[in-house]
Amino acid sequence: MSTADHSGLGHWKSQRLSSLLLVPLTLWLLWAGVALTGADYDSAVAFFRQPFHAAMALLTAGIMVYHAQGGIAVVCEDYVAHPGLQSALIWLTRLGCLAGFLATVYTIYVVWQGS
């Protein structure tokens, strides 16, 4: 999110909102990790086949990726002086975050398909 994309206030608000959303989602993720401690593969797959847990995993991944790429973009804007490099790093971050999210979506899809 370069400064051309959002106002500073808009970006600040979106980062705070995503932070607030991540609090309960992170608590769910920690609970899921504890609940699956010692579980075998089939139990973990059965856990994520449940619609609530699959949706929570996708929501958590999506908001984490959004929050991370926004935060990294701000670091690039603040500390990378060369405009071309700054832009390239921001776009690489966006692509990397998108790839991570798509990998999560694909994994949940495969679990839902029963593979």
C-alpha atoms as a PDB file:
ATOM      1  CA  MET A   1       0.000   0.000   0.000  1.00  0.00           C
ATOM      2  CA  SER A   2       1.976   2.900  -1.175  1.00  0.00           C
ATOM      3  CA  THR A   3       1.076   6.403  -0.128  1.00  0.00           C
ATOM      4  CA  ALA A   4      -0.526   6.840  -3.544  1.00  0.00           C
ATOM      5  CA  ASP A   5      -2.973   4.015  -2.748  1.00  0.00           C
ATOM      6  CA  HIS A   6      -4.296   5.188   0.634  1.00  0.00           C
ATOM      7  CA  SER A   7      -4.215   8.186   2.846  1.00  0.00           C
ATOM      8  CA  GLY A   8      -2.115   7.844   5.962  1.00  0.00           C
ATOM      9  CA  LEU A   9      -5.215   7.934   8.149  1.00  0.00           C
ATOM     10  CA  GLY A  10      -7.009   5.298   6.064  1.00  0.00           C
ATOM     11  CA  HIS A  11      -4.018   2.987   6.223  1.00  0.00           C
ATOM     12  CA  TRP A  12      -3.654   3.561   9.960  1.00  0.00           C
ATOM     13  CA  LYS A  13      -7.327   2.696  10.504  1.00  0.00           C
ATOM     14  CA  SER A  14      -7.129  -0.453   8.369  1.00  0.00           C
ATOM     15  CA  GLN A  15      -4.041  -1.636  10.279  1.00  0.00           C
ATOM     16  CA  ARG A  16      -5.784  -1.058  13.617  1.00  0.00           C
ATOM     17  CA  LEU A  17      -8.949  -2.834  12.465  1.00  0.00           C
ATOM     18  CA  SER A  18      -7.004  -5.830  11.182  1.00  0.00           C
ATOM     19  CA  SER A  19      -5.078  -5.887  14.487  1.00  0.00           C
ATOM     20  CA  LEU A  20      -8.315  -5.972  16.449  1.00  0.00           C
ATOM     21  CA  LEU A  21      -9.708  -8.751  14.258  1.00  0.00           C
ATOM     22  CA  LEU A  22      -6.533 -10.757  14.713  1.00  0.00           C
ATOM     23  CA  VAL A  23      -6.916 -10.882  18.510  1.00  0.00           C
ATOM     24  CA  PRO A  24      -9.821 -13.381  18.593  1.00  0.00           C
ATOM     25  CA  LEU A  25      -8.562 -15.149  15.491  1.00  0.00           C
ATOM     26  CA  THR A  26      -5.153 -15.678  17.078  1.00  0.00           C
ATOM     27  CA  LEU A  27      -6.818 -16.974  20.234  1.00  0.00           C
ATOM     28  CA  TRP A  28      -8.774 -19.438  18.076  1.00  0.00           C
ATOM     29  CA  LEU A  29      -5.563 -20.461  16.301  1.00  0.00           C
ATOM     30  CA  LEU A  30      -3.794 -21.064  19.628  1.00  0.00           C
ATOM     31  CA  TRP A  31      -6.777 -23.040  20.909  1.00  0.00           C
ATOM     32  CA  ALA A  32      -6.814 -25.132  17.698  1.00  0.00           C
ATOM     33  CA  GLY A  33      -3.099 -25.829  18.072  1.00  0.00           C
ATOM     34  CA  VAL A  34      -3.562 -26.986  21.648  1.00  0.00           C
ATOM     35  CA  ALA A  35      -6.655 -29.024  20.710  1.00  0.00           C
ATOM     36  CA  LEU A  36      -4.679 -30.784  17.974  1.00  0.00           C
ATOM     37  CA  THR A  37      -1.591 -31.428  20.094  1.00  0.00           C
ATOM     38  CA  GLY A  38      -0.813 -35.123  19.850  1.00  0.00           C
ATOM     39  CA  ALA A  39      -3.520 -35.681  17.231  1.00  0.00           C
ATOM     40  CA  ASP A  40      -2.780 -37.828  14.222  1.00  0.00           C
ATOM     41  CA  TYR A  41      -3.127 -36.688  10.610  1.00  0.00           C
ATOM     42  CA  ASP A  42      -6.669 -38.022  10.210  1.00  0.00           C
ATOM     43  CA  SER A  43      -7.837 -36.178  13.322  1.00  0.00           C
ATOM     44  CA  ALA A  44      -6.333 -32.916  12.080  1.00  0.00           C
ATOM     45  CA  VAL A  45      -7.997 -33.365   8.685  1.00  0.00           C
ATOM     46  CA  ALA A  46     -11.330 -34.114  10.371  1.00  0.00           C
ATOM     47  CA  PHE A  47     -10.912 -30.962  12.464  1.00  0.00           C
ATOM     48  CA  PHE A  48     -10.431 -28.738   9.407  1.00  0.00           C
ATOM     49  CA  ARG A  49     -13.247 -30.436   7.497  1.00  0.00           C
ATOM     50  CA  GLN A  50     -15.658 -28.882   9.938  1.00  0.00           C
ATOM     51  CA  PRO A  51     -17.066 -25.751   8.256  1.00  0.00           C
ATOM     52  CA  PHE A  52     -16.447 -23.493  11.257  1.00  0.00           C
ATOM     53  CA  HIS A  53     -12.779 -24.452  11.563  1.00  0.00           C
ATOM     54  CA  ALA A  54     -12.169 -24.264   7.816  1.00  0.00           C
ATOM     55  CA  ALA A  55     -13.749 -20.803   7.694  1.00  0.00           C
ATOM     56  CA  MET A  56     -11.749 -19.656  10.707  1.00  0.00           C
ATOM     57  CA  ALA A  57      -8.516 -20.885   9.110  1.00  0.00           C
ATOM     58  CA  LEU A  58      -9.277 -19.008   5.892  1.00  0.00           C
ATOM     59  CA  LEU A  59     -10.343 -15.866   7.740  1.00  0.00           C
ATOM     60  CA  THR A  60      -7.251 -15.952   9.943  1.00  0.00           C
ATOM     61  CA  ALA A  61      -4.956 -16.442   6.957  1.00  0.00           C
ATOM     62  CA  GLY A  62      -6.641 -13.696   4.964  1.00  0.00           C
ATOM     63  CA  ILE A  63      -6.510 -11.094   7.703  1.00  0.00           C
ATOM     64  CA  MET A  64      -2.952 -12.064   8.695  1.00  0.00           C
ATOM     65  CA  VAL A  65      -1.792 -11.674   5.109  1.00  0.00           C
ATOM     66  CA  TYR A  66      -3.588  -8.343   4.712  1.00  0.00           C
ATOM     67  CA  HIS A  67      -2.113  -7.035   7.969  1.00  0.00           C
ATOM     68  CA  ALA A  68       1.397  -8.295   7.210  1.00  0.00           C
ATOM     69  CA  GLN A  69       1.592  -6.887   3.704  1.00  0.00           C
ATOM     70  CA  GLY A  70       0.295  -3.526   4.923  1.00  0.00           C
ATOM     71  CA  GLY A  71       2.854  -3.391   7.698  1.00  0.00           C
ATOM     72  CA  ILE A  72       5.744  -4.417   5.471  1.00  0.00           C
ATOM     73  CA  ALA A  73       4.686  -1.806   2.903  1.00  0.00           C
ATOM     74  CA  VAL A  74       4.936   0.894   5.572  1.00  0.00           C
ATOM     75  CA  VAL A  75       8.424  -0.297   6.532  1.00  0.00           C
ATOM     76  CA  CYS A  76       9.460  -0.163   2.860  1.00  0.00           C
ATOM     77  CA  GLU A  77       7.976   3.328   2.462  1.00  0.00           C
ATOM     78  CA  ASP A  78       9.715   4.574   5.592  1.00  0.00           C
ATOM     79  CA  TYR A  79      13.149   2.980   5.191  1.00  0.00           C
ATOM     80  CA  VAL A  80      13.795   2.312   1.487  1.00  0.00           C
ATOM     81  CA  ALA A  81      14.934   5.551  -0.104  1.00  0.00           C
ATOM     82  CA  HIS A  82      15.055   4.494  -3.766  1.00  0.00           C
ATOM     83  CA  PRO A  83      11.530   4.788  -5.226  1.00  0.00           C
ATOM     84  CA  GLY A  84      11.998   1.969  -7.735  1.00  0.00           C
ATOM     85  CA  LEU A  85      13.315  -0.449  -5.135  1.00  0.00           C
ATOM     86  CA  GLN A  86      10.601   0.631  -2.709  1.00  0.00           C
ATOM     87  CA  SER A  87       7.893  -0.101  -5.258  1.00  0.00           C
ATOM     88  CA  ALA A  88       9.460  -3.429  -6.251  1.00  0.00           C
ATOM     89  CA  LEU A  89       9.695  -4.566  -2.624  1.00  0.00           C
ATOM     90  CA  ILE A  90       6.089  -3.614  -1.953  1.00  0.00           C
ATOM     91  CA  TRP A  91       4.914  -5.558  -5.024  1.00  0.00           C
ATOM     92  CA  LEU A  92       7.079  -8.567  -4.122  1.00  0.00           C
ATOM     93  CA  THR A  93       5.558  -8.506  -0.656  1.00  0.00           C
ATOM     94  CA  ARG A  94       2.057  -8.396  -2.116  1.00  0.00           C
ATOM     95  CA  LEU A  95       2.830 -11.306  -4.439  1.00  0.00           C
ATOM     96  CA  GLY A  96       4.386 -13.339  -1.629  1.00  0.00           C
ATOM     97  CA  CYS A  97       1.413 -12.716   0.647  1.00  0.00           C
ATOM     98  CA  LEU A  98      -0.993 -13.596  -2.146  1.00  0.00           C
ATOM     99  CA  ALA A  99       0.921 -16.829  -2.793  1.00  0.00           C
ATOM    100  CA  GLY A 100       0.762 -17.711   0.904  1.00  0.00           C
ATOM    101  CA  PHE A 101      -2.967 -17.051   1.053  1.00  0.00           C
ATOM    102  CA  LEU A 102      -3.631 -19.043  -2.122  1.00  0.00           C
ATOM    103  CA  ALA A 103      -1.630 -21.944  -0.665  1.00  0.00           C
ATOM    104  CA  THR A 104      -3.882 -21.827   2.400  1.00  0.00           C
ATOM    105  CA  VAL A 105      -7.023 -21.759   0.254  1.00  0.00           C
ATOM    106  CA  TYR A 106      -5.730 -24.682  -1.804  1.00  0.00           C
ATOM    107  CA  THR A 107      -4.880 -26.689   1.319  1.00  0.00           C
ATOM    108  CA  ILE A 108      -8.329 -26.170   2.824  1.00  0.00           C
ATOM    109  CA  TYR A 109      -9.877 -27.084  -0.529  1.00  0.00           C
ATOM    110  CA  VAL A 110      -7.876 -30.319  -0.682  1.00  0.00           C
ATOM    111  CA  VAL A 111      -8.927 -31.156   2.872  1.00  0.00           C
ATOM    112  CA  TRP A 112     -12.565 -30.525   1.962  1.00  0.00           C
ATOM    113  CA  GLN A 113     -12.252 -32.762  -1.093  1.00  0.00           C
ATOM    114  CA  GLY A 114     -11.097 -35.581   1.127  1.00  0.00           C
ATOM    115  CA  SER A 115      -7.601 -36.021  -0.279  1.00  0.00           C
END
